Structures are given as C-alpha cells and as structure tokens.
C-alpha cells in the first residue's frame, strides 16, 4: 500500500491549521499532519470543531471522519493567536517541512502537501535565505532549477519566471532557461503524470506573440529559436509556440493541450485561478518527490474565524495522492 502523504500546515497564525481541522472533521484529510498537537488542539477548541488529534502511528485511511492524524513537531508557541504571523514559530514551520522530507526519504510518506507560509515572517525570524517553499525544496535537493505549475481539472500552466517584477521578466527569459523549463515540464508530464506523448503550448511574451517583431523582439530573438532547436532534438514532442496568450486558452486549445508554459506569473495563473479557484493546485516540477500545495496564502484576516474553505487543501492532497500512485506504477494514462 502506498504510504500516506505528509501535510505541513504552514504558518500557525494563518488558515493552515483551520483548513486541516475542517478537512479532518469532514473526513477528507487523507494524510498525516506534521504539526504541534497542542497547537492543533488549541485551534480546534477556538473554532469549536470536535476533531480528535490522533497519533500518526495509528493512521487509518478508512477512519478519517473527525480525526486528524498528527506526527508531533513542537512549536515555540503552541498558543499562537490566529491572525498573527509570529516570527517565534518560523523555525517550527521549517522543522515541519524538514521532518516531512525526511519521512519521504525513509518511505514513511509518499508525497508532500504544503500549507501557506508567510515569507516575510520566516525571513524576519533570521532565515534570510528563505524565499519560499519552492526555492527551499530546490536547494534541499541541490537542484539548479525547478518549475512552478498550477493545475486545475481543466488546465495546467507552468512558469518560466515566477515572482519577478514585470520589468525584470524579459531579460530573465533566455534560450537556456526556456530549454531547461521545457525539459522539466516534458519529463514531469511523462514521469509524474503518466502522459506518454505530452502536448505543450508555449506562450509568447508580448501581445500577439510579438506580431513579427512589431510588438517586441523577444519571440524572434529568443523564444522561437529555442523552440526550433528543441523540436530538432525531440521530434516526437508536440511542442507548439510561441502562441498569443490571449487566444491560447480557448476551449478548443485546452482540449488539445496537456500543459502550457507561460513566460511570467500573471500571464498564465489568472486563467487557472479564474477557472478553478479552490480546485487549482500548485505543483513543483523537477523535484525527485511529489510536492503539491494550496493555491492561496495564509489569509491572516480570516484565520480562526471558521470561514476558510478546505477545498484547496483537499484538492492538493487528492492530486499528491494520485501522482504518487502514478509514480509508483508509471503506466501511461494516454
């Protein structure tokens, strides 16, 4: 049997604990939460949720209703007030993540599902190197490059650049960078998603994909040459582009696309979130493990109020479980 997924709730002041507890109450928290059981008990009492905090050693996938299976990680302040992102618990957040990675390494867990963190809080606590989950995992595994993908039930979008000011995007897009991203997306679709012959659409950077240089030269000078060279090496790959972003996501185009590659964060992600907010899952490609995440932040303004939806977390758990099973039995799905 495939081991359970490891779930890290993220910032204890945010909605991470809330949505873990709500999903446990609903019976949809299929995995082990690496967290402080005292902190979870405090939050369950605060929210008025009758959830039993159970030892992870007794995890039973058939008995999840009203149960949260917890692998204990001690927080510096388990009474962290909801709505306050306290730097005192920054180290605890990273310890939970490290424990999950160790558990995956020794086959205790099959995949990683992460809740939202407050990057500024982590850095303010003295972890100045921390820029986000994705980069932390990249560095943990000694990788030079990983790729962020957001996926919903109808669309997958991977990014060439992520959290950059828009003015810095053009110079960050190089032929080498594009080639690396396409490699990772292609390999991940085959290995983790079980898609034997991936179909990939690469978006242009400029309006109308540059309109033959009249609206920008990046397509002619960088994107098109990179795609041409890649096709020459991988003739079997259905790699199309650069395509104009404003028409790339029509129903007809989506029906013939396994994944899009967008040039920057707000070029592709709004489409996924608009069509499937709550359903969309953040997936890190290029790692030797499966990692999914919610597609929302800590939502400090509603933490502890009992109104945060666990749908995003449940979707991330479901996708991580599905991908872990595919990776265990990597037969192509199409």
C-alpha atoms as a PDB file:
ATOM      1  CA  UNK A   1       0.000   0.000   0.000  1.00  0.00           C
ATOM      2  CA  UNK A   2       1.246   3.497  -0.846  1.00  0.00           C
ATOM      3  CA  UNK A   3       2.239   5.414   2.316  1.00  0.00           C
ATOM      4  CA  UNK A   4       0.133   8.440   3.295  1.00  0.00           C
ATOM      5  CA  UNK A   5       1.050  11.935   2.161  1.00  0.00           C
ATOM      6  CA  UNK A   6       2.782  14.313   4.577  1.00  0.00           C
ATOM      7  CA  UNK A   7       0.920  17.574   5.210  1.00  0.00           C
ATOM      8  CA  UNK A   8       2.608  20.665   6.647  1.00  0.00           C
ATOM      9  CA  UNK A   9       0.005  23.271   7.714  1.00  0.00           C
ATOM     10  CA  UNK A  10       2.314  26.270   7.214  1.00  0.00           C
ATOM     11  CA  UNK A  11       2.091  29.432   9.289  1.00  0.00           C
ATOM     12  CA  UNK A  12       0.296  28.582  12.565  1.00  0.00           C
ATOM     13  CA  UNK A  13      -1.172  32.090  12.652  1.00  0.00           C
ATOM     14  CA  UNK A  14      -2.825  31.630   9.263  1.00  0.00           C
ATOM     15  CA  UNK A  15      -5.617  29.419   7.996  1.00  0.00           C
ATOM     16  CA  UNK A  16      -3.401  26.346   7.563  1.00  0.00           C
ATOM     17  CA  UNK A  17      -4.443  24.781  10.896  1.00  0.00           C
ATOM     18  CA  UNK A  18      -8.066  25.818  10.285  1.00  0.00           C
ATOM     19  CA  UNK A  19      -8.367  24.038   6.953  1.00  0.00           C
ATOM     20  CA  UNK A  20      -6.553  20.931   8.225  1.00  0.00           C
ATOM     21  CA  UNK A  21      -9.025  20.674  11.102  1.00  0.00           C
ATOM     22  CA  UNK A  22     -12.042  21.357   8.909  1.00  0.00           C
ATOM     23  CA  UNK A  23     -10.952  18.726   6.389  1.00  0.00           C
ATOM     24  CA  UNK A  24     -10.427  16.289   9.268  1.00  0.00           C
ATOM     25  CA  UNK A  25     -13.928  16.979  10.540  1.00  0.00           C
ATOM     26  CA  UNK A  26     -15.283  16.353   7.028  1.00  0.00           C
ATOM     27  CA  UNK A  27     -13.279  13.137   6.666  1.00  0.00           C
ATOM     28  CA  UNK A  28     -11.334  14.471   3.655  1.00  0.00           C
ATOM     29  CA  UNK A  29      -7.925  14.878   5.330  1.00  0.00           C
ATOM     30  CA  UNK A  30      -6.295  11.774   3.864  1.00  0.00           C
ATOM     31  CA  UNK A  31      -2.745  12.060   5.155  1.00  0.00           C
ATOM     32  CA  UNK A  32      -0.584  12.793   8.179  1.00  0.00           C
ATOM     33  CA  UNK A  33      -0.190  16.340   9.502  1.00  0.00           C
ATOM     34  CA  UNK A  34       3.260  17.262  10.795  1.00  0.00           C
ATOM     35  CA  UNK A  35       2.469  19.835  13.460  1.00  0.00           C
ATOM     36  CA  UNK A  36       2.278  20.576  17.163  1.00  0.00           C
ATOM     37  CA  UNK A  37      -0.705  18.614  18.554  1.00  0.00           C
ATOM     38  CA  UNK A  38      -1.146  21.186  21.322  1.00  0.00           C
ATOM     39  CA  UNK A  39      -1.389  23.966  18.740  1.00  0.00           C
ATOM     40  CA  UNK A  40      -3.945  21.974  16.770  1.00  0.00           C
ATOM     41  CA  UNK A  41      -5.962  21.284  19.931  1.00  0.00           C
ATOM     42  CA  UNK A  42      -5.936  25.000  20.800  1.00  0.00           C
ATOM     43  CA  UNK A  43      -7.223  25.880  17.321  1.00  0.00           C
ATOM     44  CA  UNK A  44      -9.857  23.123  17.303  1.00  0.00           C
ATOM     45  CA  UNK A  45     -11.199  24.418  20.623  1.00  0.00           C
ATOM     46  CA  UNK A  46     -11.094  28.003  19.350  1.00  0.00           C
ATOM     47  CA  UNK A  47     -13.070  27.012  16.241  1.00  0.00           C
ATOM     48  CA  UNK A  48     -15.430  24.737  18.131  1.00  0.00           C
ATOM     49  CA  UNK A  49     -14.556  21.767  15.931  1.00  0.00           C
ATOM     50  CA  UNK A  50     -14.943  18.301  17.553  1.00  0.00           C
ATOM     51  CA  UNK A  51     -11.818  16.837  15.992  1.00  0.00           C
ATOM     52  CA  UNK A  52      -9.730  14.160  17.702  1.00  0.00           C
ATOM     53  CA  UNK A  53      -5.958  14.637  17.399  1.00  0.00           C
ATOM     54  CA  UNK A  54      -4.618  11.106  16.864  1.00  0.00           C
ATOM     55  CA  UNK A  55      -1.097   9.706  16.781  1.00  0.00           C
ATOM     56  CA  UNK A  56       0.240   9.311  13.241  1.00  0.00           C
ATOM     57  CA  UNK A  57       1.397   5.782  14.089  1.00  0.00           C
ATOM     58  CA  UNK A  58      -2.275   4.778  14.179  1.00  0.00           C
ATOM     59  CA  UNK A  59      -3.117   6.282  10.783  1.00  0.00           C
ATOM     60  CA  UNK A  60      -6.080   4.509   9.202  1.00  0.00           C
ATOM     61  CA  UNK A  61      -7.155   5.781   5.767  1.00  0.00           C
ATOM     62  CA  UNK A  62     -10.577   4.226   6.325  1.00  0.00           C
ATOM     63  CA  UNK A  63     -11.185   6.112   9.584  1.00  0.00           C
ATOM     64  CA  UNK A  64     -10.665   9.801   8.868  1.00  0.00           C
ATOM     65  CA  UNK A  65     -14.027  11.332   9.798  1.00  0.00           C
ATOM     66  CA  UNK A  66     -13.436  13.644  12.745  1.00  0.00           C
ATOM     67  CA  UNK A  67      -9.807  12.506  13.112  1.00  0.00           C
ATOM     68  CA  UNK A  68      -6.585  14.374  12.450  1.00  0.00           C
ATOM     69  CA  UNK A  69      -3.546  12.108  12.434  1.00  0.00           C
ATOM     70  CA  UNK A  70      -0.582  14.093  13.708  1.00  0.00           C
ATOM     71  CA  UNK A  71       3.173  13.473  13.700  1.00  0.00           C
ATOM     72  CA  UNK A  72       4.272  15.784  16.539  1.00  0.00           C
ATOM     73  CA  UNK A  73       6.605  18.731  15.904  1.00  0.00           C
ATOM     74  CA  UNK A  74       6.976  21.096  18.861  1.00  0.00           C
ATOM     75  CA  UNK A  75       6.157  24.753  18.218  1.00  0.00           C
ATOM     76  CA  UNK A  76       7.909  27.502  20.155  1.00  0.00           C
ATOM     77  CA  UNK A  77       4.497  28.970  20.970  1.00  0.00           C
ATOM     78  CA  UNK A  78       1.678  26.439  20.533  1.00  0.00           C
ATOM     79  CA  UNK A  79      -0.820  29.112  21.650  1.00  0.00           C
ATOM     80  CA  UNK A  80      -0.093  31.215  18.538  1.00  0.00           C
ATOM     81  CA  UNK A  81      -3.045  33.607  18.221  1.00  0.00           C
ATOM     82  CA  UNK A  82      -4.970  33.177  14.944  1.00  0.00           C
ATOM     83  CA  UNK A  83      -4.383  36.094  12.609  1.00  0.00           C
ATOM     84  CA  UNK A  84      -0.872  36.840  13.883  1.00  0.00           C
ATOM     85  CA  UNK A  85       2.113  35.596  11.902  1.00  0.00           C
ATOM     86  CA  UNK A  86       4.618  35.335  14.747  1.00  0.00           C
ATOM     87  CA  UNK A  87       8.345  35.022  13.914  1.00  0.00           C
ATOM     88  CA  UNK A  88       8.811  32.954  17.077  1.00  0.00           C
ATOM     89  CA  UNK A  89       7.244  29.997  15.224  1.00  0.00           C
ATOM     90  CA  UNK A  90       9.205  30.450  11.997  1.00  0.00           C
ATOM     91  CA  UNK A  91      11.706  27.751  12.925  1.00  0.00           C
ATOM     92  CA  UNK A  92       8.851  25.382  13.734  1.00  0.00           C
ATOM     93  CA  UNK A  93       7.448  25.836  10.221  1.00  0.00           C
ATOM     94  CA  UNK A  94      10.766  24.831   8.673  1.00  0.00           C
ATOM     95  CA  UNK A  95      11.195  21.937  11.119  1.00  0.00           C
ATOM     96  CA  UNK A  96       7.827  20.557   9.994  1.00  0.00           C
ATOM     97  CA  UNK A  97       8.963  20.777   6.390  1.00  0.00           C
ATOM     98  CA  UNK A  98      12.306  19.100   7.130  1.00  0.00           C
ATOM     99  CA  UNK A  99      10.589  16.295   9.047  1.00  0.00           C
ATOM    100  CA  UNK A 100       8.248  15.689   6.116  1.00  0.00           C
ATOM    101  CA  UNK A 101      11.191  15.492   3.701  1.00  0.00           C
ATOM    102  CA  UNK A 102      12.966  13.033   5.995  1.00  0.00           C
ATOM    103  CA  UNK A 103       9.806  10.954   6.201  1.00  0.00           C
ATOM    104  CA  UNK A 104       9.540  10.823   2.427  1.00  0.00           C
ATOM    105  CA  UNK A 105      13.197   9.809   2.196  1.00  0.00           C
ATOM    106  CA  UNK A 106      12.611   6.835   4.504  1.00  0.00           C
ATOM    107  CA  UNK A 107       9.305   5.918   2.807  1.00  0.00           C
ATOM    108  CA  UNK A 108       7.101   6.860   5.758  1.00  0.00           C
ATOM    109  CA  UNK A 109       5.265   9.273   3.450  1.00  0.00           C
ATOM    110  CA  UNK A 110       4.646   9.139  -0.289  1.00  0.00           C
ATOM    111  CA  UNK A 111       4.408  12.862  -1.120  1.00  0.00           C
ATOM    112  CA  UNK A 112       4.448  16.359   0.350  1.00  0.00           C
ATOM    113  CA  UNK A 113       1.473  18.724   0.631  1.00  0.00           C
ATOM    114  CA  UNK A 114       2.262  22.185   1.964  1.00  0.00           C
ATOM    115  CA  UNK A 115       0.040  24.791   3.545  1.00  0.00           C
ATOM    116  CA  UNK A 116       0.687  28.530   3.163  1.00  0.00           C
ATOM    117  CA  UNK A 117       3.662  30.281   4.765  1.00  0.00           C
ATOM    118  CA  UNK A 118       4.387  33.967   5.303  1.00  0.00           C
ATOM    119  CA  UNK A 119       7.752  34.502   3.603  1.00  0.00           C
ATOM    120  CA  UNK A 120       8.399  37.831   5.326  1.00  0.00           C
ATOM    121  CA  UNK A 121       7.831  36.289   8.758  1.00  0.00           C
ATOM    122  CA  UNK A 122      10.314  33.500   8.059  1.00  0.00           C
ATOM    123  CA  UNK A 123      12.933  36.000   6.904  1.00  0.00           C
ATOM    124  CA  UNK A 124      12.256  38.363   9.802  1.00  0.00           C
ATOM    125  CA  UNK A 125      12.997  35.487  12.174  1.00  0.00           C
ATOM    126  CA  UNK A 126      16.554  35.298  10.843  1.00  0.00           C
ATOM    127  CA  UNK A 127      16.127  32.807   7.998  1.00  0.00           C
ATOM    128  CA  UNK A 128      17.232  35.375   5.433  1.00  0.00           C
ATOM    129  CA  UNK A 129      17.872  32.730   2.776  1.00  0.00           C
ATOM    130  CA  UNK A 130      14.209  31.697   2.697  1.00  0.00           C
ATOM    131  CA  UNK A 131      12.315  32.959  -0.358  1.00  0.00           C
ATOM    132  CA  UNK A 132       9.544  30.361  -0.478  1.00  0.00           C
ATOM    133  CA  UNK A 133       8.689  26.675  -0.364  1.00  0.00           C
ATOM    134  CA  UNK A 134       9.701  26.112  -3.983  1.00  0.00           C
ATOM    135  CA  UNK A 135      13.187  27.566  -3.589  1.00  0.00           C
ATOM    136  CA  UNK A 136      13.660  25.839  -0.224  1.00  0.00           C
ATOM    137  CA  UNK A 137      12.893  22.464  -1.767  1.00  0.00           C
ATOM    138  CA  UNK A 138      15.086  23.207  -4.788  1.00  0.00           C
ATOM    139  CA  UNK A 139      18.041  23.959  -2.515  1.00  0.00           C
ATOM    140  CA  UNK A 140      17.316  20.997  -0.235  1.00  0.00           C
ATOM    141  CA  UNK A 141      17.763  18.637  -3.171  1.00  0.00           C
ATOM    142  CA  UNK A 142      20.738  20.576  -4.599  1.00  0.00           C
ATOM    143  CA  UNK A 143      18.970  21.430  -7.836  1.00  0.00           C
ATOM    144  CA  UNK A 144      19.722  24.390 -10.071  1.00  0.00           C
ATOM    145  CA  UNK A 145      16.185  24.706 -11.431  1.00  0.00           C
ATOM    146  CA  UNK A 146      12.636  23.652 -10.640  1.00  0.00           C
ATOM    147  CA  UNK A 147       9.378  24.774 -12.234  1.00  0.00           C
ATOM    148  CA  UNK A 148       6.165  26.060 -10.690  1.00  0.00           C
ATOM    149  CA  UNK A 149       2.977  24.704 -12.213  1.00  0.00           C
ATOM    150  CA  UNK A 150      -0.615  25.485 -11.305  1.00  0.00           C
ATOM    151  CA  UNK A 151      -3.085  22.826 -12.346  1.00  0.00           C
ATOM    152  CA  UNK A 152      -6.864  22.616 -12.229  1.00  0.00           C
ATOM    153  CA  UNK A 153      -9.175  19.953 -13.566  1.00  0.00           C
ATOM    154  CA  UNK A 154      -9.179  21.689 -16.976  1.00  0.00           C
ATOM    155  CA  UNK A 155      -5.802  23.396 -17.338  1.00  0.00           C
ATOM    156  CA  UNK A 156      -2.111  23.146 -16.383  1.00  0.00           C
ATOM    157  CA  UNK A 157       0.188  26.171 -16.571  1.00  0.00           C
ATOM    158  CA  UNK A 158       3.935  26.087 -15.870  1.00  0.00           C
ATOM    159  CA  UNK A 159       6.001  29.254 -15.486  1.00  0.00           C
ATOM    160  CA  UNK A 160       9.327  30.308 -16.973  1.00  0.00           C
ATOM    161  CA  UNK A 161       9.657  33.121 -14.413  1.00  0.00           C
ATOM    162  CA  UNK A 162       7.823  33.325 -11.097  1.00  0.00           C
ATOM    163  CA  UNK A 163       7.999  36.133  -8.541  1.00  0.00           C
ATOM    164  CA  UNK A 164       9.764  38.830 -10.541  1.00  0.00           C
ATOM    165  CA  UNK A 165       8.857  42.472 -11.158  1.00  0.00           C
ATOM    166  CA  UNK A 166       7.413  42.708 -14.661  1.00  0.00           C
ATOM    167  CA  UNK A 167      10.255  44.990 -15.751  1.00  0.00           C
ATOM    168  CA  UNK A 168      12.753  42.196 -14.996  1.00  0.00           C
ATOM    169  CA  UNK A 169      10.953  39.456 -16.918  1.00  0.00           C
ATOM    170  CA  UNK A 170      12.302  39.987 -20.483  1.00  0.00           C
ATOM    171  CA  UNK A 171      15.957  39.731 -19.531  1.00  0.00           C
ATOM    172  CA  UNK A 172      15.249  36.651 -17.392  1.00  0.00           C
ATOM    173  CA  UNK A 173      13.940  34.757 -20.423  1.00  0.00           C
ATOM    174  CA  UNK A 174      16.869  33.160 -22.210  1.00  0.00           C
ATOM    175  CA  UNK A 175      17.124  30.255 -24.619  1.00  0.00           C
ATOM    176  CA  UNK A 176      18.923  28.237 -21.957  1.00  0.00           C
ATOM    177  CA  UNK A 177      16.209  28.979 -19.381  1.00  0.00           C
ATOM    178  CA  UNK A 178      13.433  28.052 -21.818  1.00  0.00           C
ATOM    179  CA  UNK A 179      15.158  24.806 -22.747  1.00  0.00           C
ATOM    180  CA  UNK A 180      15.521  23.842 -19.080  1.00  0.00           C
ATOM    181  CA  UNK A 181      11.877  24.620 -18.310  1.00  0.00           C
ATOM    182  CA  UNK A 182      10.633  22.644 -21.322  1.00  0.00           C
ATOM    183  CA  UNK A 183      12.841  19.711 -20.294  1.00  0.00           C
ATOM    184  CA  UNK A 184      11.399  19.703 -16.769  1.00  0.00           C
ATOM    185  CA  UNK A 185       7.796  20.083 -17.936  1.00  0.00           C
ATOM    186  CA  UNK A 186       8.162  17.360 -20.560  1.00  0.00           C
ATOM    187  CA  UNK A 187       9.867  14.915 -18.190  1.00  0.00           C
ATOM    188  CA  UNK A 188       7.366  15.609 -15.393  1.00  0.00           C
ATOM    189  CA  UNK A 189       4.343  15.094 -17.645  1.00  0.00           C
ATOM    190  CA  UNK A 190       5.767  11.747 -18.703  1.00  0.00           C
ATOM    191  CA  UNK A 191       7.137  10.522 -15.357  1.00  0.00           C
ATOM    192  CA  UNK A 192       4.747  12.017 -12.800  1.00  0.00           C
ATOM    193  CA  UNK A 193       1.556  12.461 -14.791  1.00  0.00           C
ATOM    194  CA  UNK A 194       1.854   9.329 -16.905  1.00  0.00           C
ATOM    195  CA  UNK A 195       1.373  11.188 -20.213  1.00  0.00           C
ATOM    196  CA  UNK A 196       3.411   9.285 -22.780  1.00  0.00           C
ATOM    197  CA  UNK A 197       3.289  11.906 -25.539  1.00  0.00           C
ATOM    198  CA  UNK A 198       2.861  15.353 -23.959  1.00  0.00           C
ATOM    199  CA  UNK A 199       1.302  18.234 -25.897  1.00  0.00           C
ATOM    200  CA  UNK A 200       2.774  21.563 -24.806  1.00  0.00           C
ATOM    201  CA  UNK A 201       1.805  25.095 -25.807  1.00  0.00           C
ATOM    202  CA  UNK A 202       4.447  27.792 -25.211  1.00  0.00           C
ATOM    203  CA  UNK A 203       3.106  31.317 -24.888  1.00  0.00           C
ATOM    204  CA  UNK A 204       4.757  34.370 -26.378  1.00  0.00           C
ATOM    205  CA  UNK A 205       5.878  37.192 -24.130  1.00  0.00           C
ATOM    206  CA  UNK A 206       4.391  40.136 -25.979  1.00  0.00           C
ATOM    207  CA  UNK A 207       0.839  40.866 -27.187  1.00  0.00           C
ATOM    208  CA  UNK A 208       0.019  38.759 -30.269  1.00  0.00           C
ATOM    209  CA  UNK A 209       3.309  36.906 -29.663  1.00  0.00           C
ATOM    210  CA  UNK A 210       5.226  39.963 -30.830  1.00  0.00           C
ATOM    211  CA  UNK A 211       3.389  40.303 -34.146  1.00  0.00           C
ATOM    212  CA  UNK A 212       6.519  39.532 -36.223  1.00  0.00           C
ATOM    213  CA  UNK A 213       8.623  41.994 -34.248  1.00  0.00           C
ATOM    214  CA  UNK A 214       6.253  44.949 -34.356  1.00  0.00           C
ATOM    215  CA  UNK A 215       5.294  44.482 -30.695  1.00  0.00           C
ATOM    216  CA  UNK A 216       8.598  43.202 -29.333  1.00  0.00           C
ATOM    217  CA  UNK A 217      11.574  41.140 -30.426  1.00  0.00           C
ATOM    218  CA  UNK A 218      11.751  38.512 -27.675  1.00  0.00           C
ATOM    219  CA  UNK A 219       9.770  35.979 -29.711  1.00  0.00           C
ATOM    220  CA  UNK A 220      12.025  36.299 -32.768  1.00  0.00           C
ATOM    221  CA  UNK A 221      15.309  36.570 -30.894  1.00  0.00           C
ATOM    222  CA  UNK A 222      14.807  34.131 -28.029  1.00  0.00           C
ATOM    223  CA  UNK A 223      11.607  32.084 -27.839  1.00  0.00           C
ATOM    224  CA  UNK A 224      11.273  30.896 -31.450  1.00  0.00           C
ATOM    225  CA  UNK A 225      14.961  29.865 -31.800  1.00  0.00           C
ATOM    226  CA  UNK A 226      14.775  27.957 -28.510  1.00  0.00           C
ATOM    227  CA  UNK A 227      11.645  26.090 -29.612  1.00  0.00           C
ATOM    228  CA  UNK A 228      13.085  25.355 -33.056  1.00  0.00           C
ATOM    229  CA  UNK A 229      16.239  23.878 -31.533  1.00  0.00           C
ATOM    230  CA  UNK A 230      14.217  21.824 -29.053  1.00  0.00           C
ATOM    231  CA  UNK A 231      11.974  20.382 -31.767  1.00  0.00           C
ATOM    232  CA  UNK A 232      15.045  19.363 -33.739  1.00  0.00           C
ATOM    233  CA  UNK A 233      16.167  17.231 -30.788  1.00  0.00           C
ATOM    234  CA  UNK A 234      12.713  15.951 -29.793  1.00  0.00           C
ATOM    235  CA  UNK A 235      10.749  15.449 -32.991  1.00  0.00           C
ATOM    236  CA  UNK A 236       8.247  13.231 -31.168  1.00  0.00           C
ATOM    237  CA  UNK A 237       7.158  16.048 -28.858  1.00  0.00           C
ATOM    238  CA  UNK A 238       4.079  18.114 -29.748  1.00  0.00           C
ATOM    239  CA  UNK A 239       5.631  21.486 -28.878  1.00  0.00           C
ATOM    240  CA  UNK A 240       3.764  24.481 -30.229  1.00  0.00           C
ATOM    241  CA  UNK A 241       4.580  28.171 -29.977  1.00  0.00           C
ATOM    242  CA  UNK A 242       5.102  30.891 -29.367  1.00  0.00           C
ATOM    243  CA  UNK A 243       1.337  31.351 -29.310  1.00  0.00           C
ATOM    244  CA  UNK A 244      -0.526  34.558 -28.368  1.00  0.00           C
ATOM    245  CA  UNK A 245      -1.640  34.350 -24.755  1.00  0.00           C
ATOM    246  CA  UNK A 246      -4.990  35.997 -25.413  1.00  0.00           C
ATOM    247  CA  UNK A 247      -6.229  33.118 -27.583  1.00  0.00           C
ATOM    248  CA  UNK A 248      -4.224  30.232 -26.125  1.00  0.00           C
ATOM    249  CA  UNK A 249      -6.798  29.230 -23.502  1.00  0.00           C
ATOM    250  CA  UNK A 250      -9.905  28.804 -25.635  1.00  0.00           C
ATOM    251  CA  UNK A 251     -11.819  25.551 -25.020  1.00  0.00           C
ATOM    252  CA  UNK A 252     -10.604  24.150 -28.343  1.00  0.00           C
ATOM    253  CA  UNK A 253      -6.959  24.901 -27.497  1.00  0.00           C
ATOM    254  CA  UNK A 254      -7.267  23.496 -23.978  1.00  0.00           C
ATOM    255  CA  UNK A 255      -8.712  20.278 -25.380  1.00  0.00           C
ATOM    256  CA  UNK A 256      -5.506  19.654 -27.341  1.00  0.00           C
ATOM    257  CA  UNK A 257      -3.040  20.764 -24.654  1.00  0.00           C
ATOM    258  CA  UNK A 258      -1.561  18.835 -21.730  1.00  0.00           C
ATOM    259  CA  UNK A 259       0.317  21.848 -20.347  1.00  0.00           C
ATOM    260  CA  UNK A 260       1.002  25.471 -21.131  1.00  0.00           C
ATOM    261  CA  UNK A 261       4.295  27.234 -20.487  1.00  0.00           C
ATOM    262  CA  UNK A 262       3.752  30.901 -19.637  1.00  0.00           C
ATOM    263  CA  UNK A 263       6.515  33.471 -19.610  1.00  0.00           C
ATOM    264  CA  UNK A 264       5.555  35.128 -16.331  1.00  0.00           C
ATOM    265  CA  UNK A 265       3.373  34.713 -13.257  1.00  0.00           C
ATOM    266  CA  UNK A 266       0.351  36.835 -14.130  1.00  0.00           C
ATOM    267  CA  UNK A 267       0.264  35.761 -17.766  1.00  0.00           C
ATOM    268  CA  UNK A 268      -0.997  32.260 -17.093  1.00  0.00           C
ATOM    269  CA  UNK A 269      -2.031  31.862 -13.475  1.00  0.00           C
ATOM    270  CA  UNK A 270      -5.093  34.148 -13.526  1.00  0.00           C
ATOM    271  CA  UNK A 271      -6.613  31.860 -16.161  1.00  0.00           C
ATOM    272  CA  UNK A 272      -6.182  28.786 -13.952  1.00  0.00           C
ATOM    273  CA  UNK A 273      -7.429  30.524 -10.817  1.00  0.00           C
ATOM    274  CA  UNK A 274     -10.412  32.077 -12.534  1.00  0.00           C
ATOM    275  CA  UNK A 275     -11.496  28.760 -13.942  1.00  0.00           C
ATOM    276  CA  UNK A 276     -10.793  26.693 -10.854  1.00  0.00           C
ATOM    277  CA  UNK A 277     -10.046  28.675  -7.689  1.00  0.00           C
ATOM    278  CA  UNK A 278     -10.189  26.188  -4.839  1.00  0.00           C
ATOM    279  CA  UNK A 279      -9.759  23.394  -7.379  1.00  0.00           C
ATOM    280  CA  UNK A 280      -6.335  24.617  -8.569  1.00  0.00           C
ATOM    281  CA  UNK A 281      -3.202  23.042  -7.110  1.00  0.00           C
ATOM    282  CA  UNK A 282       0.363  24.334  -7.051  1.00  0.00           C
ATOM    283  CA  UNK A 283       2.776  21.587  -8.162  1.00  0.00           C
ATOM    284  CA  UNK A 284       6.568  21.829  -8.111  1.00  0.00           C
ATOM    285  CA  UNK A 285       8.064  20.112 -11.154  1.00  0.00           C
ATOM    286  CA  UNK A 286      11.637  18.880 -11.346  1.00  0.00           C
ATOM    287  CA  UNK A 287      11.889  17.560  -7.783  1.00  0.00           C
ATOM    288  CA  UNK A 288      12.653  13.896  -7.063  1.00  0.00           C
ATOM    289  CA  UNK A 289       9.489  13.860  -4.914  1.00  0.00           C
ATOM    290  CA  UNK A 290       5.833  14.791  -5.428  1.00  0.00           C
ATOM    291  CA  UNK A 291       5.038  18.192  -3.910  1.00  0.00           C
ATOM    292  CA  UNK A 292       1.706  19.950  -4.156  1.00  0.00           C
ATOM    293  CA  UNK A 293       0.383  22.998  -2.368  1.00  0.00           C
ATOM    294  CA  UNK A 294      -2.712  25.110  -1.939  1.00  0.00           C
ATOM    295  CA  UNK A 295      -3.074  27.974  -4.408  1.00  0.00           C
ATOM    296  CA  UNK A 296      -3.778  30.587  -1.713  1.00  0.00           C
ATOM    297  CA  UNK A 297      -1.912  32.420   1.032  1.00  0.00           C
ATOM    298  CA  UNK A 298      -2.089  32.493   4.825  1.00  0.00           C
ATOM    299  CA  UNK A 299      -5.273  34.627   4.814  1.00  0.00           C
ATOM    300  CA  UNK A 300      -4.453  36.051   8.247  1.00  0.00           C
ATOM    301  CA  UNK A 301      -7.526  38.283   8.151  1.00  0.00           C
ATOM    302  CA  UNK A 302      -9.886  35.289   8.375  1.00  0.00           C
ATOM    303  CA  UNK A 303      -7.760  32.857  10.430  1.00  0.00           C
ATOM    304  CA  UNK A 304      -9.564  31.447  13.433  1.00  0.00           C
ATOM    305  CA  UNK A 305     -12.979  32.597  12.220  1.00  0.00           C
ATOM    306  CA  UNK A 306     -14.173  29.258  10.879  1.00  0.00           C
ATOM    307  CA  UNK A 307     -14.893  30.567   7.388  1.00  0.00           C
ATOM    308  CA  UNK A 308     -11.802  29.335   5.490  1.00  0.00           C
ATOM    309  CA  UNK A 309     -12.616  26.681   2.909  1.00  0.00           C
ATOM    310  CA  UNK A 310     -10.545  23.472   2.970  1.00  0.00           C
ATOM    311  CA  UNK A 311     -11.288  22.770  -0.715  1.00  0.00           C
ATOM    312  CA  UNK A 312      -7.847  23.887  -1.917  1.00  0.00           C
ATOM    313  CA  UNK A 313      -6.087  21.691   0.634  1.00  0.00           C
ATOM    314  CA  UNK A 314      -8.285  18.704  -0.187  1.00  0.00           C
ATOM    315  CA  UNK A 315      -7.540  19.182  -3.906  1.00  0.00           C
ATOM    316  CA  UNK A 316      -3.790  19.353  -3.181  1.00  0.00           C
ATOM    317  CA  UNK A 317      -3.966  16.158  -1.108  1.00  0.00           C
ATOM    318  CA  UNK A 318      -6.009  14.384  -3.769  1.00  0.00           C
ATOM    319  CA  UNK A 319      -3.579  15.376  -6.537  1.00  0.00           C
ATOM    320  CA  UNK A 320      -0.497  14.430  -4.492  1.00  0.00           C
ATOM    321  CA  UNK A 321      -2.023  11.036  -3.733  1.00  0.00           C
ATOM    322  CA  UNK A 322      -2.912  10.497  -7.400  1.00  0.00           C
ATOM    323  CA  UNK A 323       0.552  11.493  -8.626  1.00  0.00           C
ATOM    324  CA  UNK A 324       2.279   9.342  -6.008  1.00  0.00           C
ATOM    325  CA  UNK A 325       0.298   6.344  -7.240  1.00  0.00           C
ATOM    326  CA  UNK A 326       1.224   7.084 -10.855  1.00  0.00           C
ATOM    327  CA  UNK A 327       4.895   7.413  -9.950  1.00  0.00           C
ATOM    328  CA  UNK A 328       4.727   4.098  -8.088  1.00  0.00           C
ATOM    329  CA  UNK A 329       3.065   2.453 -11.097  1.00  0.00           C
ATOM    330  CA  UNK A 330       4.217   4.621 -14.025  1.00  0.00           C
ATOM    331  CA  UNK A 331       1.977   3.276 -16.769  1.00  0.00           C
ATOM    332  CA  UNK A 332       0.939   5.994 -19.236  1.00  0.00           C
ATOM    333  CA  UNK A 333      -2.587   7.389 -18.893  1.00  0.00           C
ATOM    334  CA  UNK A 334      -2.841   8.440 -22.551  1.00  0.00           C
END
